[in-house]
Protein backbone atom coordinates (compact mmCIF):
# COMPACT_ATOMS: atom_id res chain seq x y z
CA MET A 1 29.38 -25.18 -3.22
CA ALA A 2 25.65 -25.32 -3.88
CA ASP A 3 24.35 -26.50 -7.23
CA ALA A 4 23.23 -23.79 -9.62
CA LEU A 5 19.51 -23.06 -9.66
CA ASP A 6 17.59 -24.42 -12.61
CA GLN A 7 16.10 -22.18 -15.29
CA LYS A 8 12.64 -22.26 -13.71
CA ALA A 9 14.01 -20.83 -10.46
CA LEU A 10 15.97 -18.15 -12.34
CA ASP A 11 12.83 -17.24 -14.28
CA THR A 12 10.89 -16.91 -11.01
CA LEU A 13 13.50 -14.67 -9.44
CA PHE A 14 14.69 -12.64 -12.44
CA PHE A 15 13.87 -13.34 -16.08
CA GLU A 16 10.08 -13.57 -15.89
CA ALA A 17 9.59 -11.61 -12.65
CA ARG A 18 8.09 -8.16 -13.05
CA THR A 19 7.47 -5.05 -10.97
CA HIS A 20 3.73 -5.05 -10.34
CA ASN A 21 1.46 -2.02 -10.25
CA ALA A 22 -1.93 -3.77 -10.04
CA TRP A 23 -2.98 -6.45 -7.60
CA ARG A 24 -5.46 -9.28 -7.31
CA GLN A 25 -7.54 -9.10 -4.16
CA LYS A 26 -6.05 -12.18 -2.55
CA ASP A 27 -4.93 -12.10 1.07
CA VAL A 28 -1.30 -12.56 2.04
CA PRO A 29 -1.48 -14.53 5.30
CA ASP A 30 0.52 -13.35 8.30
CA ASP A 31 2.23 -16.75 8.42
CA LEU A 32 3.60 -16.13 4.92
CA LEU A 33 4.97 -12.73 5.99
CA ARG A 34 6.68 -14.41 8.93
CA ARG A 35 8.11 -17.06 6.59
CA LEU A 36 9.31 -14.28 4.29
CA VAL A 37 11.34 -12.70 7.10
CA GLU A 38 12.69 -16.10 8.14
CA VAL A 39 14.03 -16.60 4.61
CA MET A 40 15.46 -13.13 3.92
CA LYS A 41 17.26 -12.74 7.26
CA TRP A 42 19.89 -15.35 6.35
CA ALA A 43 21.36 -13.37 3.46
CA PRO A 44 24.67 -11.56 4.13
CA THR A 45 25.21 -8.10 5.59
CA SER A 46 28.40 -6.36 6.73
CA ALA A 47 29.50 -7.86 10.07
CA ASN A 48 26.07 -9.52 10.17
CA SER A 49 24.79 -6.05 11.05
CA SER A 50 21.21 -6.80 9.93
CA PRO A 51 20.02 -3.17 10.20
CA ALA A 52 16.74 -3.60 8.30
CA ARG A 53 13.55 -3.02 10.28
CA LEU A 54 10.24 -3.91 8.63
CA VAL A 55 6.66 -2.75 9.05
CA PHE A 56 4.09 -4.75 7.09
CA VAL A 57 1.23 -2.32 6.45
CA LYS A 58 -1.74 -4.60 5.94
CA SER A 59 -4.84 -3.45 7.82
CA ALA A 60 -7.22 -0.83 6.47
CA ALA A 61 -6.41 1.42 9.42
CA ALA A 62 -2.66 1.21 8.82
CA LYS A 63 -3.12 1.84 5.09
CA ALA A 64 -5.17 4.93 5.90
CA ARG A 65 -2.19 6.24 7.90
CA LEU A 66 0.19 5.53 5.01
CA LYS A 67 -1.90 6.83 2.09
CA PRO A 68 -1.40 10.60 2.62
CA LEU A 69 2.37 10.04 2.78
CA LEU A 70 2.56 8.47 -0.69
CA SER A 71 3.43 10.33 -3.88
CA PRO A 72 0.72 10.65 -6.54
CA GLY A 73 0.75 7.50 -8.62
CA ASN A 74 1.92 5.37 -5.71
CA ASP A 75 -1.11 5.96 -3.50
CA GLU A 76 -3.85 4.02 -5.30
CA LYS A 77 -1.74 1.00 -6.24
CA THR A 78 -0.50 0.77 -2.66
CA MET A 79 -4.04 0.90 -1.30
CA GLN A 80 -4.96 -1.91 -3.72
CA ALA A 81 -1.97 -4.09 -2.76
CA PRO A 82 -2.64 -6.65 -0.01
CA VAL A 83 0.49 -5.50 1.87
CA CYS A 84 2.98 -2.65 1.70
CA VAL A 85 6.19 -3.26 3.61
CA ILE A 86 8.16 -0.28 4.88
CA ILE A 87 11.83 -1.22 4.72
CA GLY A 88 13.60 0.82 7.34
CA GLU A 89 17.04 0.89 8.89
CA ASP A 90 18.16 1.07 12.50
CA VAL A 91 20.80 3.78 12.91
CA GLU A 92 21.80 2.16 16.19
CA PHE A 93 22.28 -1.30 14.67
CA HIS A 94 25.82 -1.38 16.07
CA GLU A 95 24.44 -1.71 19.61
CA LYS A 96 23.25 -5.22 18.65
CA LEU A 97 26.63 -6.33 17.24
CA PRO A 98 27.79 -8.04 20.46
CA PHE A 99 24.89 -10.47 19.84
CA LEU A 100 25.01 -10.56 16.04
CA PHE A 101 28.81 -10.68 15.61
CA PRO A 102 30.11 -12.22 18.86
CA HIS A 103 33.57 -13.28 17.64
CA ALA A 104 34.88 -9.69 17.42
CA ASP A 105 34.27 -6.32 19.06
CA ALA A 106 32.45 -5.01 16.00
CA ARG A 107 30.51 -2.43 18.02
CA SER A 108 33.74 -0.48 18.53
CA TRP A 109 34.19 -0.21 14.76
CA PHE A 110 31.11 2.05 14.63
CA ALA A 111 30.65 3.69 18.04
CA GLY A 112 30.93 7.47 17.75
CA ASN A 113 31.35 7.40 13.95
CA LYS A 114 28.01 8.72 12.69
CA PRO A 115 28.94 8.84 8.97
CA LYS A 116 30.10 5.21 9.07
CA ILE A 117 26.98 4.15 11.01
CA GLU A 118 24.63 5.89 8.58
CA ALA A 119 26.39 4.58 5.46
CA THR A 120 26.49 1.03 6.80
CA ALA A 121 22.86 1.12 7.94
CA PHE A 122 21.68 2.47 4.59
CA ARG A 123 23.75 0.11 2.46
CA ASN A 124 22.90 -3.03 4.36
CA ALA A 125 19.21 -2.28 4.92
CA THR A 126 18.94 -1.65 1.18
CA LEU A 127 20.57 -5.03 0.58
CA GLN A 128 18.13 -6.64 2.98
CA GLY A 129 15.23 -4.99 1.16
CA ALA A 130 16.49 -6.53 -2.08
CA TYR A 131 16.82 -9.91 -0.37
CA LEU A 132 13.25 -9.52 0.86
CA MET A 133 12.02 -9.00 -2.70
CA LEU A 134 13.86 -12.08 -3.97
CA ALA A 135 12.59 -14.12 -1.02
CA ALA A 136 9.05 -12.90 -1.74
CA ARG A 137 9.33 -14.05 -5.34
CA ALA A 138 10.77 -17.38 -4.21
CA LEU A 139 7.74 -17.84 -1.93
CA GLY A 140 5.23 -17.13 -4.69
CA LEU A 141 4.58 -13.43 -4.10
CA ASP A 142 4.92 -10.54 -6.52
CA VAL A 143 6.61 -7.26 -5.60
CA GLY A 144 6.31 -3.58 -6.46
CA PRO A 145 9.15 -1.53 -4.92
CA MET A 146 8.98 2.25 -4.85
CA SER A 147 10.68 5.27 -3.40
CA GLY A 148 8.05 7.96 -3.98
CA PHE A 149 6.88 8.82 -0.48
CA ASP A 150 7.34 11.33 2.33
CA MET A 151 10.18 9.72 4.28
CA GLU A 152 9.99 12.11 7.20
CA GLY A 153 6.25 11.61 7.43
CA VAL A 154 6.55 7.82 7.32
CA ASP A 155 9.21 7.95 10.03
CA LYS A 156 6.95 10.05 12.27
CA GLU A 157 3.92 7.86 11.60
CA PHE A 158 5.47 4.40 11.80
CA PHE A 159 8.87 4.73 13.52
CA ALA A 160 8.20 7.40 16.17
CA GLY A 161 10.15 6.81 19.38
CA THR A 162 12.63 4.44 17.71
CA THR A 163 16.09 4.71 16.16
CA TYR A 164 14.65 3.56 12.82
CA ARG A 165 14.18 5.52 9.63
CA SER A 166 12.57 4.58 6.34
CA ASN A 167 14.53 3.52 3.29
CA PHE A 168 11.99 2.40 0.66
CA LEU A 169 8.58 0.79 0.29
CA CYS A 170 7.55 -2.42 -1.44
CA ASN A 171 4.05 -3.62 -2.25
CA LEU A 172 3.53 -7.36 -1.85
CA GLY A 173 0.83 -9.70 -3.04
CA TYR A 174 -0.36 -11.45 -6.15
CA GLY A 175 0.07 -9.21 -9.15
CA ASP A 176 -2.54 -8.62 -11.82
CA PRO A 177 -0.72 -8.91 -15.16
CA LYS A 178 -3.21 -6.46 -16.71
CA GLY A 179 -1.35 -3.70 -14.89
CA LEU A 180 2.09 -4.50 -16.29
CA PHE A 181 3.93 -2.08 -18.55
CA PRO A 182 5.87 -3.45 -21.53
CA ARG A 183 9.19 -4.87 -20.37
CA SER A 184 11.84 -2.16 -20.31
CA PRO A 185 15.30 -2.77 -21.80
CA ARG A 186 18.42 -3.56 -19.81
CA PHE A 187 22.06 -2.79 -20.53
CA ALA A 188 24.28 -5.31 -22.29
CA PHE A 189 27.25 -6.63 -20.33
CA ASP A 190 29.73 -4.30 -22.04
CA ASP A 191 27.58 -1.26 -21.24
CA MET A 192 27.63 -1.89 -17.49
CA ALA A 193 30.51 -4.19 -16.64
CA LYS A 194 34.06 -5.16 -17.41
CA ILE A 195 36.38 -7.92 -16.31
CA VAL A 196 39.88 -6.76 -15.33
């Protein structure tokens, strides 16, 4: 069993971390994005399915393709962010299970069962997107997740010719605290959980 993280680490990941809407103009190097994926990919998914597929939208040309697909309010902050990652999911993830889960015939658990494939892809890619945000914070980046965008348009623009579809977006970079809203409340334990 690993030792518990210290308070500083918990503050970095949760207590002092914020969703950013404004960004300092500081580059996020490609090597850091590669490191980010290397960290997040080790977190658990069902049958090691690993359905998340990522597109790091960083260049001006790529941002110009993304901008018209963003909802009002998400467009300008995304153009300001150094990077916007499209978190997608592969709806044929099960075809990779002989490699990813070699000790059982996990592919057969999904083959021909579209509802199970879609639910598993969505659930686990969403998990991987959350892992990506925690990994980003652990590596010194700030995050700004969002779901206000034209999913069909993003799929056509960035995932055409693949078995991938978009799930959500997340801006990455170094946040400008001037753009933070006051911290919103959270539920108390008894309002959201019980021990049985």
